[in-house]
C-alpha atoms as a PDB file:
ATOM      1  CA  GLY A   1       3.188  21.639  96.426  1.00  0.00           C
ATOM      2  CA  HIS A   2       5.452  22.921  99.176  1.00  0.00           C
ATOM      3  CA  LYS A   3       4.668  19.955 101.408  1.00  0.00           C
ATOM      4  CA  GLY A   4       5.767  17.549  98.675  1.00  0.00           C
ATOM      5  CA  GLU A   5       8.942  19.574  98.228  1.00  0.00           C
ATOM      6  CA  ARG A   6       9.792  19.173 101.914  1.00  0.00           C
ATOM      7  CA  VAL A   7       9.033  15.441 101.878  1.00  0.00           C
ATOM      8  CA  LEU A   8      11.222  14.808  98.816  1.00  0.00           C
ATOM      9  CA  ASP A   9      14.078  16.783 100.380  1.00  0.00           C
ATOM     10  CA  GLU A  10      13.712  14.713 103.550  1.00  0.00           C
ATOM     11  CA  ILE A  11      13.942  11.514 101.467  1.00  0.00           C
ATOM     12  CA  ALA A  12      16.865  12.818  99.388  1.00  0.00           C
ATOM     13  CA  LYS A  13      18.888  13.657 102.511  1.00  0.00           C
ATOM     14  CA  GLU A  14      18.789   9.980 103.525  1.00  0.00           C
ATOM     15  CA  TYR A  15      21.018   9.298 100.503  1.00  0.00           C
ATOM     16  CA  GLY A  16      23.294  12.342 100.679  1.00  0.00           C
ATOM     17  CA  LEU A  17      21.232  14.236  98.095  1.00  0.00           C
ATOM     18  CA  ARG A  18      19.020  17.326  98.208  1.00  0.00           C
ATOM     19  CA  PHE A  19      15.743  18.379  96.615  1.00  0.00           C
ATOM     20  CA  GLU A  20      14.396  21.901  96.076  1.00  0.00           C
ATOM     21  CA  GLY A  21      11.549  23.082  93.859  1.00  0.00           C
ATOM     22  CA  ASN A  22      13.317  25.908  92.015  1.00  0.00           C
ATOM     23  CA  ALA A  23      16.373  23.733  91.411  1.00  0.00           C
ATOM     24  CA  GLN A  24      14.171  20.891  90.159  1.00  0.00           C
ATOM     25  CA  ASN A  25      12.346  23.184  87.720  1.00  0.00           C
ATOM     26  CA  PHE A  26      15.687  24.230  86.285  1.00  0.00           C
ATOM     27  CA  LYS A  27      16.882  20.615  86.045  1.00  0.00           C
ATOM     28  CA  LEU A  28      13.627  19.624  84.359  1.00  0.00           C
ATOM     29  CA  LEU A  29      13.972  22.285  81.670  1.00  0.00           C
ATOM     30  CA  ARG A  30      17.697  21.796  81.081  1.00  0.00           C
ATOM     31  CA  ARG A  31      18.155  18.053  81.511  1.00  0.00           C
ATOM     32  CA  ILE A  32      15.029  15.957  82.049  1.00  0.00           C
ATOM     33  CA  ASP A  33      12.161  17.033  79.803  1.00  0.00           C
ATOM     34  CA  CYS A  34      13.416  16.005  76.343  1.00  0.00           C
ATOM     35  CA  LYS A  35      11.493  16.850  73.175  1.00  0.00           C
ATOM     36  CA  GLU A  36      14.155  15.820  70.638  1.00  0.00           C
ATOM     37  CA  PRO A  37      16.347  12.706  70.393  1.00  0.00           C
ATOM     38  CA  ASN A  38      19.884  13.188  71.696  1.00  0.00           C
ATOM     39  CA  VAL A  39      19.087  16.651  73.109  1.00  0.00           C
ATOM     40  CA  ASN A  40      18.945  17.043  76.886  1.00  0.00           C
ATOM     41  CA  GLY A  41      16.118  19.188  78.144  1.00  0.00           C
ATOM     42  CA  LEU A  42      14.184  21.669  76.036  1.00  0.00           C
ATOM     43  CA  ASN A  43      17.271  23.231  74.424  1.00  0.00           C
ATOM     44  CA  LEU A  44      16.355  26.682  75.748  1.00  0.00           C
ATOM     45  CA  THR A  45      18.445  29.801  75.218  1.00  0.00           C
ATOM     46  CA  ASN A  46      20.818  30.898  77.965  1.00  0.00           C
ATOM     47  CA  ARG A  47      18.767  34.075  78.436  1.00  0.00           C
ATOM     48  CA  THR A  48      15.691  31.961  79.187  1.00  0.00           C
ATOM     49  CA  LEU A  49      17.643  29.784  81.607  1.00  0.00           C
ATOM     50  CA  LEU A  50      18.979  32.867  83.378  1.00  0.00           C
ATOM     51  CA  ALA A  51      15.422  34.205  83.553  1.00  0.00           C
ATOM     52  CA  ILE A  52      14.282  31.302  85.739  1.00  0.00           C
ATOM     53  CA  ASN A  53      17.323  31.257  88.024  1.00  0.00           C
ATOM     54  CA  LYS A  54      16.132  33.037  91.180  1.00  0.00           C
ATOM     55  CA  TYR A  55      18.907  31.914  93.528  1.00  0.00           C
ATOM     56  CA  LEU A  56      22.587  31.973  92.530  1.00  0.00           C
ATOM     57  CA  THR A  57      23.585  29.381  95.128  1.00  0.00           C
ATOM     58  CA  LYS A  58      25.086  25.928  94.623  1.00  0.00           C
ATOM     59  CA  VAL A  59      23.549  23.030  96.514  1.00  0.00           C
ATOM     60  CA  ASP A  60      24.958  22.181  99.933  1.00  0.00           C
ATOM     61  CA  ASP A  61      23.648  20.642 103.146  1.00  0.00           C
ATOM     62  CA  ASN A  62      22.507  23.953 104.663  1.00  0.00           C
ATOM     63  CA  ALA A  63      21.182  25.984 101.725  1.00  0.00           C
ATOM     64  CA  LYS A  64      17.393  26.429 101.612  1.00  0.00           C
ATOM     65  CA  LYS A  65      17.287  27.629  97.999  1.00  0.00           C
ATOM     66  CA  PHE A  66      19.862  26.535  95.433  1.00  0.00           C
ATOM     67  CA  LEU A  67      20.777  25.041  92.061  1.00  0.00           C
ATOM     68  CA  TYR A  68      22.006  21.483  91.666  1.00  0.00           C
ATOM     69  CA  LYS A  69      25.781  21.260  91.130  1.00  0.00           C
ATOM     70  CA  GLU A  70      25.732  20.490  87.393  1.00  0.00           C
ATOM     71  CA  ASP A  71      23.237  23.249  86.618  1.00  0.00           C
ATOM     72  CA  PHE A  72      25.045  25.768  88.836  1.00  0.00           C
ATOM     73  CA  GLU A  73      28.348  25.108  87.058  1.00  0.00           C
ATOM     74  CA  TYR A  74      26.708  25.464  83.651  1.00  0.00           C
ATOM     75  CA  LEU A  75      25.125  28.808  84.506  1.00  0.00           C
ATOM     76  CA  ASP A  76      28.261  29.993  86.280  1.00  0.00           C
ATOM     77  CA  ASN A  77      30.164  29.588  83.002  1.00  0.00           C
ATOM     78  CA  VAL A  78      27.419  31.427  81.126  1.00  0.00           C
ATOM     79  CA  ARG A  79      27.588  34.280  83.623  1.00  0.00           C
ATOM     80  CA  LYS A  80      31.357  34.502  83.312  1.00  0.00           C
ATOM     81  CA  LEU A  81      31.188  34.723  79.519  1.00  0.00           C
ATOM     82  CA  ALA A  82      28.422  37.344  79.687  1.00  0.00           C
ATOM     83  CA  LYS A  83      30.087  39.233  82.567  1.00  0.00           C
ATOM     84  CA  LEU A  84      27.056  38.632  84.764  1.00  0.00           C
ATOM     85  CA  GLN A  85      28.746  37.156  87.829  1.00  0.00           C
ATOM     86  CA  GLY A  86      26.603  37.694  90.915  1.00  0.00           C
ATOM     87  CA  THR A  87      23.809  39.210  88.832  1.00  0.00           C
ATOM     88  CA  ARG A  88      20.163  38.223  88.651  1.00  0.00           C
ATOM     89  CA  THR A  89      18.911  39.283  85.222  1.00  0.00           C
ATOM     90  CA  LEU A  90      16.129  41.812  84.779  1.00  0.00           C
ATOM     91  CA  ASP A  91      13.965  39.015  83.349  1.00  0.00           C
ATOM     92  CA  VAL A  92      14.066  36.907  86.501  1.00  0.00           C
ATOM     93  CA  GLN A  93      13.432  39.942  88.702  1.00  0.00           C
ATOM     94  CA  ILE A  94      10.258  40.711  86.714  1.00  0.00           C
ATOM     95  CA  ILE A  95       9.139  37.080  86.875  1.00  0.00           C
ATOM     96  CA  GLU A  96       9.749  36.855  90.620  1.00  0.00           C
ATOM     97  CA  LEU A  97       7.758  40.028  91.324  1.00  0.00           C
ATOM     98  CA  ALA A  98       4.907  38.819  89.121  1.00  0.00           C
ATOM     99  CA  ASP A  99       4.961  35.489  90.954  1.00  0.00           C
ATOM    100  CA  ASP A 100       4.882  37.166  94.375  1.00  0.00           C
ATOM    101  CA  ILE A 101       1.994  39.429  93.387  1.00  0.00           C
ATOM    102  CA  ALA A 102       0.011  36.542  91.902  1.00  0.00           C
ATOM    103  CA  TYR A 103       0.723  34.402  94.964  1.00  0.00           C
ATOM    104  CA  ALA A 104      -0.542  37.019  97.391  1.00  0.00           C
ATOM    105  CA  VAL A 105      -3.471  38.429  95.439  1.00  0.00           C
ATOM    106  CA  HIS A 106      -4.952  35.439  93.638  1.00  0.00           C
ATOM    107  CA  ASP A 107      -4.466  33.055  96.549  1.00  0.00           C
ATOM    108  CA  LEU A 108      -6.212  35.679  98.678  1.00  0.00           C
ATOM    109  CA  GLU A 109      -9.126  35.702  96.225  1.00  0.00           C
ATOM    110  CA  ASP A 110      -9.276  31.889  96.084  1.00  0.00           C
ATOM    111  CA  GLY A 111      -9.142  31.576  99.877  1.00  0.00           C
ATOM    112  CA  LEU A 112     -11.960  34.080 100.324  1.00  0.00           C
ATOM    113  CA  GLN A 113     -14.084  32.442  97.628  1.00  0.00           C
ATOM    114  CA  LEU A 114     -13.578  28.961  99.116  1.00  0.00           C
ATOM    115  CA  ARG A 115     -14.215  30.367 102.605  1.00  0.00           C
ATOM    116  CA  LYS A 116     -10.903  29.102 103.957  1.00  0.00           C
ATOM    117  CA  PHE A 117     -10.653  32.412 105.806  1.00  0.00           C
ATOM    118  CA  SER A 118     -12.393  35.792 105.961  1.00  0.00           C
ATOM    119  CA  ILE A 119     -11.208  39.341 105.333  1.00  0.00           C
ATOM    120  CA  ASP A 120     -11.519  39.971 109.061  1.00  0.00           C
ATOM    121  CA  GLU A 121      -9.163  37.070 109.804  1.00  0.00           C
ATOM    122  CA  ILE A 122      -6.576  38.349 107.322  1.00  0.00           C
ATOM    123  CA  THR A 123      -6.898  41.845 108.797  1.00  0.00           C
ATOM    124  CA  HIS A 124      -6.423  40.452 112.318  1.00  0.00           C
ATOM    125  CA  TYR A 125      -3.320  38.527 111.220  1.00  0.00           C
ATOM    126  CA  LEU A 126      -1.800  41.648 109.621  1.00  0.00           C
ATOM    127  CA  LYS A 127      -2.604  43.781 112.674  1.00  0.00           C
ATOM    128  CA  ASN A 128      -0.658  41.382 114.901  1.00  0.00           C
ATOM    129  CA  LYS A 129       2.319  41.461 112.546  1.00  0.00           C
ATOM    130  CA  ASP A 130       2.584  45.102 111.497  1.00  0.00           C
ATOM    131  CA  SER A 131       0.200  47.984 112.274  1.00  0.00           C
ATOM    132  CA  LYS A 132       1.315  49.983 109.208  1.00  0.00           C
ATOM    133  CA  VAL A 133       0.668  47.042 106.902  1.00  0.00           C
ATOM    134  CA  SER A 134      -2.698  46.474 108.563  1.00  0.00           C
ATOM    135  CA  GLU A 135      -3.720  50.092 107.955  1.00  0.00           C
ATOM    136  CA  GLU A 136      -2.676  49.860 104.290  1.00  0.00           C
ATOM    137  CA  PHE A 137      -4.682  46.686 103.782  1.00  0.00           C
ATOM    138  CA  GLY A 138      -7.602  48.196 105.678  1.00  0.00           C
ATOM    139  CA  SER A 139      -7.798  51.120 103.246  1.00  0.00           C
ATOM    140  CA  PHE A 140      -8.068  48.705 100.308  1.00  0.00           C
ATOM    141  CA  VAL A 141     -10.815  46.765 102.113  1.00  0.00           C
ATOM    142  CA  GLU A 142     -12.694  49.988 102.891  1.00  0.00           C
ATOM    143  CA  ASN A 143     -12.573  51.049  99.220  1.00  0.00           C
ATOM    144  CA  ALA A 144     -13.737  47.589  98.125  1.00  0.00           C
ATOM    145  CA  ILE A 145     -16.742  47.760 100.464  1.00  0.00           C
ATOM    146  CA  LYS A 146     -17.615  51.246  99.184  1.00  0.00           C
ATOM    147  CA  TYR A 147     -17.412  49.956  95.612  1.00  0.00           C
ATOM    148  CA  ALA A 148     -19.679  46.977  96.391  1.00  0.00           C
ATOM    149  CA  ASN A 149     -22.219  49.204  98.145  1.00  0.00           C
ATOM    150  CA  LYS A 150     -22.577  51.376  95.036  1.00  0.00           C
ATOM    151  CA  GLN A 151     -23.383  48.407  92.791  1.00  0.00           C
ATOM    152  CA  GLU A 152     -26.692  46.672  92.253  1.00  0.00           C
ATOM    153  CA  HIS A 153     -26.926  43.288  93.958  1.00  0.00           C
ATOM    154  CA  ASP A 154     -29.794  41.207  95.217  1.00  0.00           C
ATOM    155  CA  ASN A 155     -28.019  38.617  97.387  1.00  0.00           C
ATOM    156  CA  VAL A 156     -25.103  38.343  99.807  1.00  0.00           C
ATOM    157  CA  GLN A 157     -23.091  36.054  97.527  1.00  0.00           C
ATOM    158  CA  LYS A 158     -22.980  38.659  94.773  1.00  0.00           C
ATOM    159  CA  TYR A 159     -22.097  41.339  97.316  1.00  0.00           C
ATOM    160  CA  SER A 160     -19.187  39.221  98.619  1.00  0.00           C
ATOM    161  CA  LYS A 161     -18.003  38.585  95.069  1.00  0.00           C
ATOM    162  CA  LEU A 162     -17.976  42.313  94.311  1.00  0.00           C
ATOM    163  CA  ILE A 163     -15.850  42.967  97.395  1.00  0.00           C
ATOM    164  CA  ARG A 164     -13.395  40.196  96.453  1.00  0.00           C
ATOM    165  CA  MET A 165     -13.106  41.396  92.869  1.00  0.00           C
ATOM    166  CA  SER A 166     -12.599  45.018  93.872  1.00  0.00           C
ATOM    167  CA  LEU A 167     -10.097  44.165  96.618  1.00  0.00           C
ATOM    168  CA  THR A 168      -7.913  41.940  94.423  1.00  0.00           C
ATOM    169  CA  SER A 169      -8.061  44.372  91.496  1.00  0.00           C
ATOM    170  CA  GLN A 170      -7.006  47.262  93.725  1.00  0.00           C
ATOM    171  CA  LEU A 171      -4.142  45.284  95.241  1.00  0.00           C
ATOM    172  CA  THR A 172      -2.863  44.102  91.860  1.00  0.00           C
ATOM    173  CA  ASN A 173      -2.989  47.615  90.453  1.00  0.00           C
ATOM    174  CA  ALA A 174      -1.241  49.091  93.501  1.00  0.00           C
ATOM    175  CA  PHE A 175       1.521  46.479  93.523  1.00  0.00           C
ATOM    176  CA  VAL A 176       2.233  46.682  89.785  1.00  0.00           C
ATOM    177  CA  ASN A 177       2.380  50.469  89.825  1.00  0.00           C
ATOM    178  CA  ASP A 178       4.617  50.411  92.898  1.00  0.00           C
ATOM    179  CA  VAL A 179       7.469  48.531  91.165  1.00  0.00           C
ATOM    180  CA  THR A 180      10.722  50.483  91.221  1.00  0.00           C
ATOM    181  CA  ILE A 181      14.492  49.996  91.375  1.00  0.00           C
ATOM    182  CA  ASN A 182      15.423  49.781  95.038  1.00  0.00           C
ATOM    183  CA  LYS A 183      18.584  49.249  97.002  1.00  0.00           C
ATOM    184  CA  ILE A 184      18.205  45.723  98.357  1.00  0.00           C
ATOM    185  CA  ASP A 185      18.924  44.955 101.979  1.00  0.00           C
ATOM    186  CA  GLU A 186      21.611  42.570 103.204  1.00  0.00           C
ATOM    187  CA  GLU A 187      19.095  39.797 103.919  1.00  0.00           C
ATOM    188  CA  THR A 188      17.764  39.840 100.338  1.00  0.00           C
ATOM    189  CA  SER A 189      21.270  40.000  98.885  1.00  0.00           C
ATOM    190  CA  LYS A 190      22.315  37.010 100.978  1.00  0.00           C
ATOM    191  CA  GLU A 191      19.196  35.011 100.072  1.00  0.00           C
ATOM    192  CA  HIS A 192      19.741  35.572  96.351  1.00  0.00           C
ATOM    193  CA  ASN A 193      23.533  35.342  96.644  1.00  0.00           C
ATOM    194  CA  THR A 194      23.909  38.422  94.460  1.00  0.00           C
ATOM    195  CA  ASN A 195      26.635  41.042  94.643  1.00  0.00           C
ATOM    196  CA  LYS A 196      24.451  43.765  93.142  1.00  0.00           C
ATOM    197  CA  ASN A 197      23.048  46.517  95.344  1.00  0.00           C
ATOM    198  CA  TYR A 198      19.926  47.370  93.322  1.00  0.00           C
ATOM    199  CA  GLU A 199      17.042  45.259  92.025  1.00  0.00           C
ATOM    200  CA  LEU A 200      13.391  45.623  91.060  1.00  0.00           C
ATOM    201  CA  GLU A 201      11.262  45.760  94.190  1.00  0.00           C
ATOM    202  CA  LEU A 202       8.096  47.344  95.470  1.00  0.00           C
ATOM    203  CA  GLU A 203       8.612  50.697  97.140  1.00  0.00           C
ATOM    204  CA  LYS A 204       5.604  51.744  99.228  1.00  0.00           C
ATOM    205  CA  TYR A 205       3.905  48.343  99.498  1.00  0.00           C
ATOM    206  CA  LYS A 206       6.903  46.030  99.854  1.00  0.00           C
ATOM    207  CA  ASP A 207       6.051  45.060 103.432  1.00  0.00           C
ATOM    208  CA  LEU A 208       2.348  44.659 102.655  1.00  0.00           C
ATOM    209  CA  LEU A 209       3.091  42.193  99.849  1.00  0.00           C
ATOM    210  CA  LYS A 210       5.512  40.220 102.012  1.00  0.00           C
ATOM    211  CA  VAL A 211       3.235  39.957 105.053  1.00  0.00           C
ATOM    212  CA  LEU A 212       0.105  39.362 102.951  1.00  0.00           C
ATOM    213  CA  LYS A 213       1.771  36.343 101.307  1.00  0.00           C
ATOM    214  CA  LYS A 214       2.501  34.863 104.728  1.00  0.00           C
ATOM    215  CA  ALA A 215      -0.991  35.642 105.984  1.00  0.00           C
ATOM    216  CA  VAL A 216      -2.680  33.919 103.049  1.00  0.00           C
ATOM    217  CA  PHE A 217      -0.411  30.881 103.349  1.00  0.00           C
ATOM    218  CA  GLU A 218      -0.848  30.446 107.095  1.00  0.00           C
ATOM    219  CA  CYS A 219      -4.587  31.077 107.070  1.00  0.00           C
ATOM    220  CA  SER A 220      -5.042  28.589 104.218  1.00  0.00           C
ATOM    221  CA  THR A 221      -2.902  25.762 105.549  1.00  0.00           C
ATOM    222  CA  ARG A 222      -4.330  25.794 109.095  1.00  0.00           C
ATOM    223  CA  ASP A 223      -7.498  24.211 107.677  1.00  0.00           C
ATOM    224  CA  THR A 224      -8.069  20.656 108.949  1.00  0.00           C
ATOM    225  CA  ASN A 225      -8.845  19.364 105.450  1.00  0.00           C
ATOM    226  CA  ILE A 226      -5.599  20.837 104.129  1.00  0.00           C
ATOM    227  CA  GLN A 227      -3.609  19.222 106.945  1.00  0.00           C
ATOM    228  CA  GLU A 228      -5.239  15.857 106.236  1.00  0.00           C
ATOM    229  CA  TYR A 229      -4.619  16.222 102.497  1.00  0.00           C
ATOM    230  CA  GLU A 230      -0.942  17.058 103.057  1.00  0.00           C
ATOM    231  CA  ARG A 231      -0.502  14.091 105.409  1.00  0.00           C
ATOM    232  CA  LYS A 232      -2.008  11.779 102.812  1.00  0.00           C
ATOM    233  CA  GLY A 233       0.279  13.363 100.220  1.00  0.00           C
ATOM    234  CA  GLU A 234       3.300  12.610 102.401  1.00  0.00           C
ATOM    235  CA  ILE A 235       2.242   8.962 102.704  1.00  0.00           C
ATOM    236  CA  ILE A 236       1.711   8.688  98.945  1.00  0.00           C
ATOM    237  CA  ILE A 237       5.092  10.231  98.072  1.00  0.00           C
ATOM    238  CA  LYS A 238       7.025   8.058 100.517  1.00  0.00           C
ATOM    239  CA  SER A 239       5.128   4.902  99.540  1.00  0.00           C
ATOM    240  CA  LEU A 240       5.771   5.457  95.831  1.00  0.00           C
ATOM    241  CA  PHE A 241       9.433   6.233  96.438  1.00  0.00           C
ATOM    242  CA  TYR A 242      10.166   3.142  98.527  1.00  0.00           C
ATOM    243  CA  PHE A 243       8.215   0.981  96.080  1.00  0.00           C
ATOM    244  CA  TYR A 244      10.093   2.268  93.015  1.00  0.00           C
ATOM    245  CA  THR A 245      13.492   1.872  94.700  1.00  0.00           C
ATOM    246  CA  ASP A 246      12.833  -1.678  95.944  1.00  0.00           C
ATOM    247  CA  LEU A 247      14.195  -3.857  93.133  1.00  0.00           C
ATOM    248  CA  SER A 248      12.608  -6.941  94.704  1.00  0.00           C
ATOM    249  CA  LYS A 249       9.235  -5.374  93.848  1.00  0.00           C
ATOM    250  CA  ASN A 250      10.201  -3.082  90.980  1.00  0.00           C
ATOM    251  CA  ILE A 251      12.274  -5.680  89.115  1.00  0.00           C
ATOM    252  CA  ASN A 252      14.805  -4.040  86.765  1.00  0.00           C
ATOM    253  CA  ALA A 253      12.946  -0.767  87.461  1.00  0.00           C
ATOM    254  CA  MET A 254      10.372  -1.766  84.841  1.00  0.00           C
ATOM    255  CA  LEU A 255       7.568   0.015  86.733  1.00  0.00           C
ATOM    256  CA  LEU A 256       9.270   3.313  86.004  1.00  0.00           C
ATOM    257  CA  PRO A 257       8.973   4.916  82.546  1.00  0.00           C
ATOM    258  CA  PRO A 258      11.907   3.966  80.222  1.00  0.00           C
ATOM    259  CA  ASP A 259      13.658   7.335  80.628  1.00  0.00           C
ATOM    260  CA  TYR A 260      13.787   6.861  84.415  1.00  0.00           C
ATOM    261  CA  ARG A 261      15.282   3.354  84.476  1.00  0.00           C
ATOM    262  CA  PRO A 262      19.000   3.344  85.366  1.00  0.00           C
ATOM    263  CA  GLU A 263      20.977   2.593  82.212  1.00  0.00           C
ATOM    264  CA  GLU A 264      23.149  -0.041  83.864  1.00  0.00           C
ATOM    265  CA  LEU A 265      20.081  -2.134  84.702  1.00  0.00           C
ATOM    266  CA  GLN A 266      19.323  -2.394  81.002  1.00  0.00           C
ATOM    267  CA  GLU A 267      22.878  -3.498  80.081  1.00  0.00           C
ATOM    268  CA  LYS A 268      22.573  -7.213  80.815  1.00  0.00           C
ATOM    269  CA  GLU A 269      26.122  -8.166  79.818  1.00  0.00           C
ATOM    270  CA  LYS A 270      27.826  -5.437  81.832  1.00  0.00           C
ATOM    271  CA  GLU A 271      28.933  -6.003  85.420  1.00  0.00           C
ATOM    272  CA  GLN A 272      26.891  -3.557  87.448  1.00  0.00           C
ATOM    273  CA  ASP A 273      28.122  -1.188  90.120  1.00  0.00           C
ATOM    274  CA  LYS A 274      25.436  -1.891  92.725  1.00  0.00           C
ATOM    275  CA  GLU A 275      25.882   1.340  94.694  1.00  0.00           C
ATOM    276  CA  LYS A 276      25.880   3.431  91.530  1.00  0.00           C
ATOM    277  CA  VAL A 277      22.715   1.743  90.270  1.00  0.00           C
ATOM    278  CA  GLU A 278      20.948   2.168  93.611  1.00  0.00           C
ATOM    279  CA  LEU A 279      21.830   5.871  93.863  1.00  0.00           C
ATOM    280  CA  GLN A 280      20.728   6.459  90.266  1.00  0.00           C
ATOM    281  CA  LEU A 281      17.466   4.659  90.982  1.00  0.00           C
ATOM    282  CA  VAL A 282      16.941   6.878  94.028  1.00  0.00           C
ATOM    283  CA  GLN A 283      17.590  10.039  92.007  1.00  0.00           C
ATOM    284  CA  ASN A 284      15.425   8.910  89.084  1.00  0.00           C
ATOM    285  CA  SER A 285      12.558   7.962  91.389  1.00  0.00           C
ATOM    286  CA  ILE A 286      12.687  11.383  93.051  1.00  0.00           C
ATOM    287  CA  ASP A 287      12.731  13.082  89.641  1.00  0.00           C
ATOM    288  CA  TYR A 288       9.778  10.998  88.457  1.00  0.00           C
ATOM    289  CA  ILE A 289       7.656  11.647  91.556  1.00  0.00           C
ATOM    290  CA  ALA A 290       8.530  15.362  91.479  1.00  0.00           C
ATOM    291  CA  GLY A 291       7.020  15.601  88.006  1.00  0.00           C
ATOM    292  CA  MET A 292       3.670  14.098  89.026  1.00  0.00           C
ATOM    293  CA  MET A 293       0.468  16.084  89.362  1.00  0.00           C
ATOM    294  CA  ASP A 294      -1.521  15.329  92.519  1.00  0.00           C
ATOM    295  CA  THR A 295      -4.172  13.382  90.617  1.00  0.00           C
ATOM    296  CA  PHE A 296      -1.604  11.172  88.870  1.00  0.00           C
ATOM    297  CA  ALA A 297       0.300  10.455  92.098  1.00  0.00           C
ATOM    298  CA  ILE A 298      -2.970   9.480  93.786  1.00  0.00           C
ATOM    299  CA  SER A 299      -3.990   7.183  90.915  1.00  0.00           C
ATOM    300  CA  GLU A 300      -0.528   5.529  90.912  1.00  0.00           C
ATOM    301  CA  TYR A 301      -0.748   4.928  94.653  1.00  0.00           C
ATOM    302  CA  GLU A 302      -4.249   3.476  94.390  1.00  0.00           C
ATOM    303  CA  ARG A 303      -3.189   1.233  91.499  1.00  0.00           C
ATOM    304  CA  LEU A 304       0.011  -0.076  93.103  1.00  0.00           C
ATOM    305  CA  PHE A 305      -1.270  -0.476  96.676  1.00  0.00           C
ATOM    306  CA  SER A 306      -4.986  -1.142  96.079  1.00  0.00           C
ATOM    307  CA  ILE A 307      -5.910   1.476  98.695  1.00  0.00           C
ATOM    308  CA  ASP A 308      -8.381   4.256  97.921  1.00  0.00           C
ATOM    309  CA  PHE A 309      -7.226   7.775  98.695  1.00  0.00           C
ATOM    310  CA  ASP A 310     -10.116   8.258 101.131  1.00  0.00           C
ATOM    311  CA  ASN A 311      -9.087   5.121 103.055  1.00  0.00           C
ATOM    312  CA  ILE A 312      -5.413   5.991 103.636  1.00  0.00           C
ATOM    313  CA  ASP A 313      -4.390   5.393 107.249  1.00  0.00           C
ATOM    314  CA  LEU A 314      -3.076   8.740 108.477  1.00  0.00           C
ATOM    315  CA  GLY A 315      -1.291   7.131 111.429  1.00  0.00           C
ATOM    316  CA  GLN A 316       0.982   4.805 109.483  1.00  0.00           C
ATOM    317  CA  ASP A 317       4.769   5.170 109.342  1.00  0.00           C
ATOM    318  CA  ILE A 318       6.409   4.794 105.918  1.00  0.00           C
ATOM    319  CA  GLU A 319      10.043   3.698 105.885  1.00  0.00           C
END
């Protein structure tokens, strides 16, 4: 997830490139994931492409969220033709809000169910950040407890489940019904790189949603098992990358799928531009790894290095 995103960006920077999850999703849909011969990407409509473009920023060394240069230029032309310069479409605003709500509420439910944290711990976190937000969350918790107390239950597990279900249902309902058209602040405008003053936002519970997302993330990732898992993930990503880009081991890039092998390596009669081939191999390897599910990346690592996931040395340096 986010850890892998940071690791791939760290690797990309070594070669004068960048990596970012939103930008990669866009690249995948427009250029990488091909379903028809001679058609790049999924051949989606421009409205669909605009609907997944959250940040109207072109890649540079300092940007945190961006589009890759080729994709930015494509969408910039679309926006000019449609007179949408500096505008995030209504579609993407709806999708982003839905994503934020799902992130906060359903990750809260998962964390509570898996006992990664308790309601008391979340409440304590919110209280330290914002007393108003803490009071708002507290009222939802109080209503959830009242609901659970009115129901029939014969064990503590069922009681806890009722509280979780009621709490997450209440929060979802409150957030969805709180959506309105708000004047966005300068920070939001700068982050999105939009020149519009109004967008869909929450009104009453905007701060609660924002702080709750952070609370769930921080309380989840502090877990020792999560930290160990992310460290192993970092080792796997770096190991796969340096293996794929080492042509003494990955001869002619044959250990990459055909679509990820640099074209010049396959043209035996053509004199190859070594730097161009190496940079393309770097980019293709990053793209390939970025598309892996955790389970596939782990199985590839175990297959190539003959090391079980459970036996990965957390102290090793990968260069």
